[in-house]
Protein backbone atom coordinates (compact mmCIF):
# COMPACT_ATOMS: atom_id res chain seq x y z
CA MET A 1 0.00 0.00 0.00
CA ALA A 2 2.86 2.35 0.84
CA ASP A 3 4.38 1.76 -2.60
CA ILE A 4 1.09 2.42 -4.36
CA LEU A 5 0.54 5.63 -2.39
CA ASN A 6 4.20 6.60 -2.72
CA VAL A 7 4.60 7.23 1.03
CA PRO A 8 6.88 5.74 3.70
CA VAL A 9 5.47 2.72 5.55
CA GLU A 10 5.83 4.68 8.80
CA GLU A 11 3.29 7.18 7.48
CA LEU A 12 0.69 4.41 7.27
CA LEU A 13 1.46 3.19 10.78
CA LYS A 14 0.73 6.51 12.48
CA THR A 15 -2.31 6.71 14.73
CA GLU A 16 -3.70 9.87 13.12
CA PRO A 17 -6.32 9.40 10.39
CA ILE A 18 -4.90 8.99 6.89
CA VAL A 19 -6.32 11.39 4.33
CA ILE A 20 -5.42 10.95 0.68
CA ASN A 21 -5.20 13.97 -1.58
CA MET A 22 -5.54 13.15 -5.29
CA THR A 23 -5.01 16.68 -6.58
CA ASN A 24 -1.59 16.32 -8.24
CA SER A 25 -0.57 14.43 -11.35
CA HIS A 26 2.23 12.51 -9.62
CA GLY A 27 -0.02 10.05 -7.81
CA PRO A 28 -1.69 10.04 -4.40
CA ASN A 29 -0.38 12.29 -1.67
CA VAL A 30 -1.03 11.63 2.02
CA SER A 31 -1.80 14.68 4.11
CA GLY A 32 -3.75 15.69 7.16
CA THR A 33 -5.98 18.34 5.64
CA ASN A 34 -7.49 17.51 2.26
CA ASN A 35 -9.52 14.64 0.87
CA HIS A 36 -10.36 14.99 -2.82
CA ASN A 37 -12.12 12.41 -4.98
CA PHE A 38 -10.28 9.26 -3.93
CA PRO A 39 -11.70 6.52 -6.21
CA THR A 40 -14.10 4.35 -4.22
CA GLU A 41 -13.12 1.25 -6.19
CA LEU A 42 -9.46 1.71 -5.28
CA LEU A 43 -10.33 2.36 -1.65
CA GLY A 44 -12.37 -0.87 -1.64
CA LYS A 45 -9.37 -2.81 -2.98
CA PHE A 46 -7.11 -1.30 -0.31
CA THR A 47 -9.66 -2.20 2.35
CA GLU A 48 -9.95 -5.80 1.12
CA GLN A 49 -6.18 -6.21 1.04
CA PHE A 50 -5.79 -4.67 4.48
CA GLU A 51 -8.50 -6.87 5.98
CA ALA A 52 -7.01 -10.03 4.43
CA ARG A 53 -3.55 -9.16 5.74
CA PHE A 54 -4.94 -8.25 9.15
CA THR A 55 -6.79 -11.58 9.37
CA ALA A 56 -3.62 -13.48 8.39
CA LEU A 57 -1.64 -11.62 11.05
CA GLU A 58 -4.30 -12.38 13.66
CA ARG A 59 -4.07 -16.09 12.82
CA SER A 60 -0.28 -16.00 13.04
CA ASN A 61 -0.50 -14.24 16.38
CA GLU A 62 -2.91 -16.89 17.70
CA ARG A 63 -0.55 -19.68 16.60
CA PHE A 64 2.42 -17.98 18.25
CA MET A 65 0.48 -17.47 21.46
CA ASP A 66 -0.53 -21.15 21.46
CA MET A 67 3.09 -22.20 20.98
CA ILE A 68 4.24 -19.90 23.79
CA GLU A 69 1.56 -21.26 26.13
CA LYS A 70 2.61 -24.85 25.33
CA LEU A 71 6.25 -24.01 25.97
CA ILE A 72 5.38 -22.41 29.30
CA LYS A 73 3.37 -25.47 30.34
CA THR A 74 6.17 -27.90 29.39
CA LYS A 75 8.81 -25.82 31.25
CA GLY A 76 6.57 -25.24 34.30
């Protein structure tokens, strides 16, 4: 997503809301003040990709937590 929006990954990890300004010809521009005509179809694709990745990370986290709990039980 950072590559597509041409912004650093850190910018997407900030806790402030992300607003995308599509007013220049060089691609999307992330800012805190303007939100102009971001294509709904593209936003939907970003949302789907984000949700799929988030779900995969949740599953990985659950597996890691299960492994940690098993290790604690075997050592305890």
